[in-house]
């Protein structure tokens, strides 16, 4: 069984990395379409 977790919110050099939310959506999509568990 394969589990894909999303990544946590990140601030890089004082600025919020907004792409963490995009990656969470991608991880969910890949997990769903490839029969994996997903931990958000």
ModelCIF file with pLDDT and N, C-alpha, C, O atoms, coordinates in Angstrom:
data_MODEL
#
_entry.id   MODEL 
#
_entity.id                         1 
_entity.type                       polymer 
_entity.pdbx_number_of_molecules   1 
#
_entity_poly.entity_id                      1 
_entity_poly.type                           'polypeptide(L)' 
_entity_poly.nstd_linkage                   no 
_entity_poly.nstd_monomer                   no 
_entity_poly.pdbx_seq_one_letter_code       
;(UNK)(UNK)(UNK)(UNK)(UNK)(UNK)(UNK)(UNK)(UNK)(UNK)(UNK)(UNK)(UNK)(UNK)(UNK)(UNK)
(UNK)(UNK)(UNK)(UNK)(UNK)(UNK)(UNK)(UNK)(UNK)(UNK)(UNK)(UNK)(UNK)(UNK)(UNK)(UNK)
(UNK)(UNK)(UNK)(UNK)(UNK)(UNK)(UNK)(UNK)
;
_entity_poly.pdbx_seq_one_letter_code_can   XXXXXXXXXXXXXXXXXXXXXXXXXXXXXXXXXXXXXXXX 
_entity_poly.pdbx_strand_id                 A 
#
loop_
_entity_poly_seq.entity_id 
_entity_poly_seq.num 
_entity_poly_seq.mon_id 
_entity_poly_seq.hetero 
1 1  UNK n 
1 2  UNK n 
1 3  UNK n 
1 4  UNK n 
1 5  UNK n 
1 6  UNK n 
1 7  UNK n 
1 8  UNK n 
1 9  UNK n 
1 10 UNK n 
1 11 UNK n 
1 12 UNK n 
1 13 UNK n 
1 14 UNK n 
1 15 UNK n 
1 16 UNK n 
1 17 UNK n 
1 18 UNK n 
1 19 UNK n 
1 20 UNK n 
1 21 UNK n 
1 22 UNK n 
1 23 UNK n 
1 24 UNK n 
1 25 UNK n 
1 26 UNK n 
1 27 UNK n 
1 28 UNK n 
1 29 UNK n 
1 30 UNK n 
1 31 UNK n 
1 32 UNK n 
1 33 UNK n 
1 34 UNK n 
1 35 UNK n 
1 36 UNK n 
1 37 UNK n 
1 38 UNK n 
1 39 UNK n 
1 40 UNK n 
#
_struct_asym.id          A 
_struct_asym.entity_id   1 
#
loop_
_ma_qa_metric.id 
_ma_qa_metric.mode 
_ma_qa_metric.name 
_ma_qa_metric.software_group_id 
_ma_qa_metric.type 
1 global pLDDT . pLDDT 
2 local  pLDDT . pLDDT 
#
_ma_qa_metric_global.metric_id      1 
_ma_qa_metric_global.metric_value   94.20 
_ma_qa_metric_global.model_id       1 
_ma_qa_metric_global.ordinal_id     1 
#
loop_
_ma_qa_metric_local.label_asym_id 
_ma_qa_metric_local.label_comp_id 
_ma_qa_metric_local.label_seq_id 
_ma_qa_metric_local.metric_id 
_ma_qa_metric_local.metric_value 
_ma_qa_metric_local.model_id 
_ma_qa_metric_local.ordinal_id 
A UNK 1  2 96.00 1 1  
A UNK 2  2 97.00 1 2  
A UNK 3  2 97.00 1 3  
A UNK 4  2 97.00 1 4  
A UNK 5  2 97.00 1 5  
A UNK 6  2 96.00 1 6  
A UNK 7  2 96.00 1 7  
A UNK 8  2 95.00 1 8  
A UNK 9  2 95.00 1 9  
A UNK 10 2 95.00 1 10 
A UNK 11 2 94.00 1 11 
A UNK 12 2 91.00 1 12 
A UNK 13 2 87.00 1 13 
A UNK 14 2 85.00 1 14 
A UNK 15 2 91.00 1 15 
A UNK 16 2 94.00 1 16 
A UNK 17 2 95.00 1 17 
A UNK 18 2 95.00 1 18 
A UNK 19 2 96.00 1 19 
A UNK 20 2 96.00 1 20 
A UNK 21 2 94.00 1 21 
A UNK 22 2 95.00 1 22 
A UNK 23 2 97.00 1 23 
A UNK 24 2 95.00 1 24 
A UNK 25 2 93.00 1 25 
A UNK 26 2 96.00 1 26 
A UNK 27 2 96.00 1 27 
A UNK 28 2 93.00 1 28 
A UNK 29 2 94.00 1 29 
A UNK 30 2 96.00 1 30 
A UNK 31 2 94.00 1 31 
A UNK 32 2 90.00 1 32 
A UNK 33 2 93.00 1 33 
A UNK 34 2 95.00 1 34 
A UNK 35 2 93.00 1 35 
A UNK 36 2 95.00 1 36 
A UNK 37 2 94.00 1 37 
A UNK 38 2 94.00 1 38 
A UNK 39 2 94.00 1 39 
A UNK 40 2 92.00 1 40 
#
loop_
_atom_site.group_PDB 
_atom_site.id 
_atom_site.type_symbol 
_atom_site.label_atom_id 
_atom_site.label_alt_id 
_atom_site.label_comp_id 
_atom_site.label_asym_id 
_atom_site.label_entity_id 
_atom_site.label_seq_id 
_atom_site.pdbx_PDB_ins_code 
_atom_site.Cartn_x 
_atom_site.Cartn_y 
_atom_site.Cartn_z 
_atom_site.occupancy 
_atom_site.B_iso_or_equiv 
_atom_site.pdbx_formal_charge 
_atom_site.auth_seq_id 
_atom_site.auth_comp_id 
_atom_site.auth_asym_id 
_atom_site.auth_atom_id 
_atom_site.pdbx_PDB_model_num 
ATOM 1   N N  . UNK A 1 1  ? 0.861  -1.176 0.000   1.00 96.00 ? 1  UNK A N  1 
ATOM 2   C CA . UNK A 1 1  ? 0.000  0.000  0.000   1.00 96.00 ? 1  UNK A CA 1 
ATOM 3   C C  . UNK A 1 1  ? 0.901  1.231  0.000   1.00 96.00 ? 1  UNK A C  1 
ATOM 4   O O  . UNK A 1 1  ? 1.913  1.256  0.701   1.00 96.00 ? 1  UNK A O  1 
ATOM 5   N N  . UNK A 1 2  ? 0.547  2.242  -0.772  1.00 97.00 ? 2  UNK A N  1 
ATOM 6   C CA . UNK A 1 2  ? 1.342  3.472  -0.837  1.00 97.00 ? 2  UNK A CA 1 
ATOM 7   C C  . UNK A 1 2  ? 0.526  4.619  -0.258  1.00 97.00 ? 2  UNK A C  1 
ATOM 8   O O  . UNK A 1 2  ? -0.654 4.776  -0.571  1.00 97.00 ? 2  UNK A O  1 
ATOM 9   N N  . UNK A 1 3  ? 1.164  5.416  0.588   1.00 97.00 ? 3  UNK A N  1 
ATOM 10  C CA . UNK A 1 3  ? 0.521  6.584  1.180   1.00 97.00 ? 3  UNK A CA 1 
ATOM 11  C C  . UNK A 1 3  ? 1.277  7.841  0.756   1.00 97.00 ? 3  UNK A C  1 
ATOM 12  O O  . UNK A 1 3  ? 2.503  7.900  0.851   1.00 97.00 ? 3  UNK A O  1 
ATOM 13  N N  . UNK A 1 4  ? 0.536  8.840  0.291   1.00 97.00 ? 4  UNK A N  1 
ATOM 14  C CA . UNK A 1 4  ? 1.130  10.125 -0.094  1.00 97.00 ? 4  UNK A CA 1 
ATOM 15  C C  . UNK A 1 4  ? 0.607  11.202 0.859   1.00 97.00 ? 4  UNK A C  1 
ATOM 16  O O  . UNK A 1 4  ? -0.591 11.485 0.856   1.00 97.00 ? 4  UNK A O  1 
ATOM 17  N N  . UNK A 1 5  ? 1.470  11.806 1.670   1.00 97.00 ? 5  UNK A N  1 
ATOM 18  C CA . UNK A 1 5  ? 1.024  12.944 2.492   1.00 97.00 ? 5  UNK A CA 1 
ATOM 19  C C  . UNK A 1 5  ? 1.259  14.257 1.746   1.00 97.00 ? 5  UNK A C  1 
ATOM 20  O O  . UNK A 1 5  ? 2.164  14.349 0.918   1.00 97.00 ? 5  UNK A O  1 
ATOM 21  N N  . UNK A 1 6  ? 0.457  15.254 2.035   1.00 96.00 ? 6  UNK A N  1 
ATOM 22  C CA . UNK A 1 6  ? 0.770  16.598 1.551   1.00 96.00 ? 6  UNK A CA 1 
ATOM 23  C C  . UNK A 1 6  ? 1.819  17.204 2.475   1.00 96.00 ? 6  UNK A C  1 
ATOM 24  O O  . UNK A 1 6  ? 2.115  16.653 3.536   1.00 96.00 ? 6  UNK A O  1 
ATOM 25  N N  . UNK A 1 7  ? 2.377  18.333 2.068   1.00 96.00 ? 7  UNK A N  1 
ATOM 26  C CA . UNK A 1 7  ? 3.437  18.994 2.843   1.00 96.00 ? 7  UNK A CA 1 
ATOM 27  C C  . UNK A 1 7  ? 2.855  20.141 3.650   1.00 96.00 ? 7  UNK A C  1 
ATOM 28  O O  . UNK A 1 7  ? 1.786  20.662 3.332   1.00 96.00 ? 7  UNK A O  1 
ATOM 29  N N  . UNK A 1 8  ? 3.569  20.527 4.697   1.00 95.00 ? 8  UNK A N  1 
ATOM 30  C CA . UNK A 1 8  ? 3.098  21.579 5.586   1.00 95.00 ? 8  UNK A CA 1 
ATOM 31  C C  . UNK A 1 8  ? 3.316  22.963 4.983   1.00 95.00 ? 8  UNK A C  1 
ATOM 32  O O  . UNK A 1 8  ? 4.160  23.152 4.108   1.00 95.00 ? 8  UNK A O  1 
ATOM 33  N N  . UNK A 1 9  ? 2.548  23.907 5.462   1.00 95.00 ? 9  UNK A N  1 
ATOM 34  C CA . UNK A 1 9  ? 2.758  25.313 5.121   1.00 95.00 ? 9  UNK A CA 1 
ATOM 35  C C  . UNK A 1 9  ? 4.198  25.710 5.460   1.00 95.00 ? 9  UNK A C  1 
ATOM 36  O O  . UNK A 1 9  ? 4.753  25.254 6.459   1.00 95.00 ? 9  UNK A O  1 
ATOM 37  N N  . UNK A 1 10 ? 4.794  26.556 4.630   1.00 95.00 ? 10 UNK A N  1 
ATOM 38  C CA . UNK A 1 10 ? 6.204  26.940 4.772   1.00 95.00 ? 10 UNK A CA 1 
ATOM 39  C C  . UNK A 1 10 ? 6.341  28.451 4.614   1.00 95.00 ? 10 UNK A C  1 
ATOM 40  O O  . UNK A 1 10 ? 5.656  29.063 3.794   1.00 95.00 ? 10 UNK A O  1 
ATOM 41  N N  . UNK A 1 11 ? 7.232  29.049 5.407   1.00 94.00 ? 11 UNK A N  1 
ATOM 42  C CA . UNK A 1 11 ? 7.660  30.427 5.188   1.00 94.00 ? 11 UNK A CA 1 
ATOM 43  C C  . UNK A 1 11 ? 9.140  30.398 4.826   1.00 94.00 ? 11 UNK A C  1 
ATOM 44  O O  . UNK A 1 11 ? 9.962  29.954 5.628   1.00 94.00 ? 11 UNK A O  1 
ATOM 45  N N  . UNK A 1 12 ? 9.483  30.855 3.654   1.00 91.00 ? 12 UNK A N  1 
ATOM 46  C CA . UNK A 1 12 ? 10.872 30.849 3.201   1.00 91.00 ? 12 UNK A CA 1 
ATOM 47  C C  . UNK A 1 12 ? 11.413 32.273 3.230   1.00 91.00 ? 12 UNK A C  1 
ATOM 48  O O  . UNK A 1 12 ? 10.946 33.147 2.500   1.00 91.00 ? 12 UNK A O  1 
ATOM 49  N N  . UNK A 1 13 ? 12.420 32.488 4.097   1.00 87.00 ? 13 UNK A N  1 
ATOM 50  C CA . UNK A 1 13 ? 13.035 33.805 4.243   1.00 87.00 ? 13 UNK A CA 1 
ATOM 51  C C  . UNK A 1 13 ? 11.993 34.886 4.537   1.00 87.00 ? 13 UNK A C  1 
ATOM 52  O O  . UNK A 1 13 ? 12.045 35.984 3.983   1.00 87.00 ? 13 UNK A O  1 
ATOM 53  N N  . UNK A 1 14 ? 11.055 34.555 5.411   1.00 85.00 ? 14 UNK A N  1 
ATOM 54  C CA . UNK A 1 14 ? 10.053 35.517 5.856   1.00 85.00 ? 14 UNK A CA 1 
ATOM 55  C C  . UNK A 1 14 ? 8.828  35.625 4.981   1.00 85.00 ? 14 UNK A C  1 
ATOM 56  O O  . UNK A 1 14 ? 7.876  36.315 5.346   1.00 85.00 ? 14 UNK A O  1 
ATOM 57  N N  . UNK A 1 15 ? 8.821  34.960 3.829   1.00 91.00 ? 15 UNK A N  1 
ATOM 58  C CA . UNK A 1 15 ? 7.676  35.032 2.923   1.00 91.00 ? 15 UNK A CA 1 
ATOM 59  C C  . UNK A 1 15 ? 6.950  33.694 2.887   1.00 91.00 ? 15 UNK A C  1 
ATOM 60  O O  . UNK A 1 15 ? 7.570  32.632 2.845   1.00 91.00 ? 15 UNK A O  1 
ATOM 61  N N  . UNK A 1 16 ? 5.617  33.770 2.904   1.00 94.00 ? 16 UNK A N  1 
ATOM 62  C CA . UNK A 1 16 ? 4.830  32.548 2.880   1.00 94.00 ? 16 UNK A CA 1 
ATOM 63  C C  . UNK A 1 16 ? 4.890  31.900 1.495   1.00 94.00 ? 16 UNK A C  1 
ATOM 64  O O  . UNK A 1 16 ? 4.721  32.565 0.473   1.00 94.00 ? 16 UNK A O  1 
ATOM 65  N N  . UNK A 1 17 ? 5.136  30.587 1.487   1.00 95.00 ? 17 UNK A N  1 
ATOM 66  C CA . UNK A 1 17 ? 5.223  29.833 0.231   1.00 95.00 ? 17 UNK A CA 1 
ATOM 67  C C  . UNK A 1 17 ? 3.831  29.324 -0.108  1.00 95.00 ? 17 UNK A C  1 
ATOM 68  O O  . UNK A 1 17 ? 3.397  28.288 0.396   1.00 95.00 ? 17 UNK A O  1 
ATOM 69  N N  . UNK A 1 18 ? 3.149  30.049 -0.951  1.00 95.00 ? 18 UNK A N  1 
ATOM 70  C CA . UNK A 1 18 ? 1.749  29.741 -1.267  1.00 95.00 ? 18 UNK A CA 1 
ATOM 71  C C  . UNK A 1 18 ? 1.588  28.444 -2.053  1.00 95.00 ? 18 UNK A C  1 
ATOM 72  O O  . UNK A 1 18 ? 0.499  27.872 -2.091  1.00 95.00 ? 18 UNK A O  1 
ATOM 73  N N  . UNK A 1 19 ? 2.670  27.978 -2.683  1.00 96.00 ? 19 UNK A N  1 
ATOM 74  C CA . UNK A 1 19 ? 2.581  26.757 -3.496  1.00 96.00 ? 19 UNK A CA 1 
ATOM 75  C C  . UNK A 1 19 ? 2.341  25.509 -2.650  1.00 96.00 ? 19 UNK A C  1 
ATOM 76  O O  . UNK A 1 19 ? 2.038  24.450 -3.198  1.00 96.00 ? 19 UNK A O  1 
ATOM 77  N N  . UNK A 1 20 ? 2.471  25.613 -1.322  1.00 96.00 ? 20 UNK A N  1 
ATOM 78  C CA . UNK A 1 20 ? 2.178  24.451 -0.466  1.00 96.00 ? 20 UNK A CA 1 
ATOM 79  C C  . UNK A 1 20 ? 0.737  24.003 -0.667  1.00 96.00 ? 20 UNK A C  1 
ATOM 80  O O  . UNK A 1 20 ? 0.449  22.806 -0.663  1.00 96.00 ? 20 UNK A O  1 
ATOM 81  N N  . UNK A 1 21 ? -0.166 24.956 -0.844  1.00 94.00 ? 21 UNK A N  1 
ATOM 82  C CA . UNK A 1 21 ? -1.571 24.611 -1.075  1.00 94.00 ? 21 UNK A CA 1 
ATOM 83  C C  . UNK A 1 21 ? -1.741 23.934 -2.439  1.00 94.00 ? 21 UNK A C  1 
ATOM 84  O O  . UNK A 1 21 ? -2.517 22.988 -2.569  1.00 94.00 ? 21 UNK A O  1 
ATOM 85  N N  . UNK A 1 22 ? -1.018 24.414 -3.451  1.00 95.00 ? 22 UNK A N  1 
ATOM 86  C CA . UNK A 1 22 ? -1.081 23.786 -4.780  1.00 95.00 ? 22 UNK A CA 1 
ATOM 87  C C  . UNK A 1 22 ? -0.563 22.354 -4.726  1.00 95.00 ? 22 UNK A C  1 
ATOM 88  O O  . UNK A 1 22 ? -1.131 21.454 -5.344  1.00 95.00 ? 22 UNK A O  1 
ATOM 89  N N  . UNK A 1 23 ? 0.524  22.154 -3.977  1.00 97.00 ? 23 UNK A N  1 
ATOM 90  C CA . UNK A 1 23 ? 1.075  20.803 -3.890  1.00 97.00 ? 23 UNK A CA 1 
ATOM 91  C C  . UNK A 1 23 ? 0.107  19.866 -3.162  1.00 97.00 ? 23 UNK A C  1 
ATOM 92  O O  . UNK A 1 23 ? -0.024 18.700 -3.534  1.00 97.00 ? 23 UNK A O  1 
ATOM 93  N N  . UNK A 1 24 ? -0.568 20.369 -2.132  1.00 95.00 ? 24 UNK A N  1 
ATOM 94  C CA . UNK A 1 24 ? -1.550 19.536 -1.424  1.00 95.00 ? 24 UNK A CA 1 
ATOM 95  C C  . UNK A 1 24 ? -2.643 19.067 -2.380  1.00 95.00 ? 24 UNK A C  1 
ATOM 96  O O  . UNK A 1 24 ? -3.081 17.919 -2.318  1.00 95.00 ? 24 UNK A O  1 
ATOM 97  N N  . UNK A 1 25 ? -3.081 19.965 -3.265  1.00 93.00 ? 25 UNK A N  1 
ATOM 98  C CA . UNK A 1 25 ? -4.108 19.591 -4.245  1.00 93.00 ? 25 UNK A CA 1 
ATOM 99  C C  . UNK A 1 25 ? -3.566 18.552 -5.227  1.00 93.00 ? 25 UNK A C  1 
ATOM 100 O O  . UNK A 1 25 ? -4.274 17.617 -5.601  1.00 93.00 ? 25 UNK A O  1 
ATOM 101 N N  . UNK A 1 26 ? -2.301 18.721 -5.645  1.00 96.00 ? 26 UNK A N  1 
ATOM 102 C CA . UNK A 1 26 ? -1.697 17.757 -6.568  1.00 96.00 ? 26 UNK A CA 1 
ATOM 103 C C  . UNK A 1 26 ? -1.519 16.395 -5.893  1.00 96.00 ? 26 UNK A C  1 
ATOM 104 O O  . UNK A 1 26 ? -1.807 15.361 -6.495  1.00 96.00 ? 26 UNK A O  1 
ATOM 105 N N  . UNK A 1 27 ? -1.049 16.394 -4.651  1.00 96.00 ? 27 UNK A N  1 
ATOM 106 C CA . UNK A 1 27 ? -0.850 15.125 -3.930  1.00 96.00 ? 27 UNK A CA 1 
ATOM 107 C C  . UNK A 1 27 ? -2.170 14.385 -3.789  1.00 96.00 ? 27 UNK A C  1 
ATOM 108 O O  . UNK A 1 27 ? -2.220 13.165 -3.943  1.00 96.00 ? 27 UNK A O  1 
ATOM 109 N N  . UNK A 1 28 ? -3.250 15.124 -3.493  1.00 93.00 ? 28 UNK A N  1 
ATOM 110 C CA . UNK A 1 28 ? -4.582 14.511 -3.392  1.00 93.00 ? 28 UNK A CA 1 
ATOM 111 C C  . UNK A 1 28 ? -4.994 13.905 -4.729  1.00 93.00 ? 28 UNK A C  1 
ATOM 112 O O  . UNK A 1 28 ? -5.503 12.786 -4.785  1.00 93.00 ? 28 UNK A O  1 
ATOM 113 N N  . UNK A 1 29 ? -4.771 14.652 -5.800  1.00 94.00 ? 29 UNK A N  1 
ATOM 114 C CA . UNK A 1 29 ? -5.157 14.188 -7.139  1.00 94.00 ? 29 UNK A CA 1 
ATOM 115 C C  . UNK A 1 29 ? -4.393 12.922 -7.519  1.00 94.00 ? 29 UNK A C  1 
ATOM 116 O O  . UNK A 1 29 ? -4.990 11.949 -7.979  1.00 94.00 ? 29 UNK A O  1 
ATOM 117 N N  . UNK A 1 30 ? -3.068 12.932 -7.326  1.00 96.00 ? 30 UNK A N  1 
ATOM 118 C CA . UNK A 1 30 ? -2.243 11.773 -7.684  1.00 96.00 ? 30 UNK A CA 1 
ATOM 119 C C  . UNK A 1 30 ? -2.624 10.557 -6.852  1.00 96.00 ? 30 UNK A C  1 
ATOM 120 O O  . UNK A 1 30 ? -2.682 9.439  -7.365  1.00 96.00 ? 30 UNK A O  1 
ATOM 121 N N  . UNK A 1 31 ? -2.884 10.777 -5.567  1.00 94.00 ? 31 UNK A N  1 
ATOM 122 C CA . UNK A 1 31 ? -3.279 9.658  -4.696  1.00 94.00 ? 31 UNK A CA 1 
ATOM 123 C C  . UNK A 1 31 ? -4.598 9.054  -5.167  1.00 94.00 ? 31 UNK A C  1 
ATOM 124 O O  . UNK A 1 31 ? -4.717 7.834  -5.284  1.00 94.00 ? 31 UNK A O  1 
ATOM 125 N N  . UNK A 1 32 ? -5.581 9.897  -5.436  1.00 90.00 ? 32 UNK A N  1 
ATOM 126 C CA . UNK A 1 32 ? -6.907 9.430  -5.854  1.00 90.00 ? 32 UNK A CA 1 
ATOM 127 C C  . UNK A 1 32 ? -6.838 8.657  -7.162  1.00 90.00 ? 32 UNK A C  1 
ATOM 128 O O  . UNK A 1 32 ? -7.455 7.602  -7.306  1.00 90.00 ? 32 UNK A O  1 
ATOM 129 N N  . UNK A 1 33 ? -6.077 9.196  -8.119  1.00 93.00 ? 33 UNK A N  1 
ATOM 130 C CA . UNK A 1 33 ? -6.054 8.595  -9.451  1.00 93.00 ? 33 UNK A CA 1 
ATOM 131 C C  . UNK A 1 33 ? -5.149 7.383  -9.552  1.00 93.00 ? 33 UNK A C  1 
ATOM 132 O O  . UNK A 1 33 ? -5.196 6.656  -10.545 1.00 93.00 ? 33 UNK A O  1 
ATOM 133 N N  . UNK A 1 34 ? -4.317 7.152  -8.530  1.00 95.00 ? 34 UNK A N  1 
ATOM 134 C CA . UNK A 1 34 ? -3.369 6.040  -8.583  1.00 95.00 ? 34 UNK A CA 1 
ATOM 135 C C  . UNK A 1 34 ? -3.545 5.064  -7.420  1.00 95.00 ? 34 UNK A C  1 
ATOM 136 O O  . UNK A 1 34 ? -2.623 4.333  -7.060  1.00 95.00 ? 34 UNK A O  1 
ATOM 137 N N  . UNK A 1 35 ? -4.740 5.065  -6.845  1.00 93.00 ? 35 UNK A N  1 
ATOM 138 C CA . UNK A 1 35 ? -5.117 4.065  -5.837  1.00 93.00 ? 35 UNK A CA 1 
ATOM 139 C C  . UNK A 1 35 ? -4.171 4.065  -4.638  1.00 93.00 ? 35 UNK A C  1 
ATOM 140 O O  . UNK A 1 35 ? -3.725 3.011  -4.184  1.00 93.00 ? 35 UNK A O  1 
ATOM 141 N N  . UNK A 1 36 ? -3.872 5.260  -4.134  1.00 95.00 ? 36 UNK A N  1 
ATOM 142 C CA . UNK A 1 36 ? -3.008 5.403  -2.961  1.00 95.00 ? 36 UNK A CA 1 
ATOM 143 C C  . UNK A 1 36 ? -3.807 5.980  -1.791  1.00 95.00 ? 36 UNK A C  1 
ATOM 144 O O  . UNK A 1 36 ? -4.850 6.603  -1.988  1.00 95.00 ? 36 UNK A O  1 
ATOM 145 N N  . UNK A 1 37 ? -3.316 5.770  -0.599  1.00 94.00 ? 37 UNK A N  1 
ATOM 146 C CA . UNK A 1 37 ? -3.847 6.487  0.552   1.00 94.00 ? 37 UNK A CA 1 
ATOM 147 C C  . UNK A 1 37 ? -3.364 7.936  0.497   1.00 94.00 ? 37 UNK A C  1 
ATOM 148 O O  . UNK A 1 37 ? -2.335 8.230  -0.111  1.00 94.00 ? 37 UNK A O  1 
ATOM 149 N N  . UNK A 1 38 ? -4.107 8.833  1.132   1.00 94.00 ? 38 UNK A N  1 
ATOM 150 C CA . UNK A 1 38 ? -3.727 10.245 1.160   1.00 94.00 ? 38 UNK A CA 1 
ATOM 151 C C  . UNK A 1 38 ? -3.897 10.775 2.577   1.00 94.00 ? 38 UNK A C  1 
ATOM 152 O O  . UNK A 1 38 ? -4.941 10.577 3.200   1.00 94.00 ? 38 UNK A O  1 
ATOM 153 N N  . UNK A 1 39 ? -2.870 11.449 3.082   1.00 94.00 ? 39 UNK A N  1 
ATOM 154 C CA . UNK A 1 39 ? -2.926 12.101 4.394   1.00 94.00 ? 39 UNK A CA 1 
ATOM 155 C C  . UNK A 1 39 ? -2.712 13.589 4.174   1.00 94.00 ? 39 UNK A C  1 
ATOM 156 O O  . UNK A 1 39 ? -1.622 14.012 3.790   1.00 94.00 ? 39 UNK A O  1 
ATOM 157 N N  . UNK A 1 40 ? -3.748 14.387 4.416   1.00 92.00 ? 40 UNK A N  1 
ATOM 158 C CA . UNK A 1 40 ? -3.691 15.810 4.101   1.00 92.00 ? 40 UNK A CA 1 
ATOM 159 C C  . UNK A 1 40 ? -3.058 16.586 5.253   1.00 92.00 ? 40 UNK A C  1 
ATOM 160 O O  . UNK A 1 40 ? -2.922 17.807 5.174   1.00 92.00 ? 40 UNK A O  1 
#
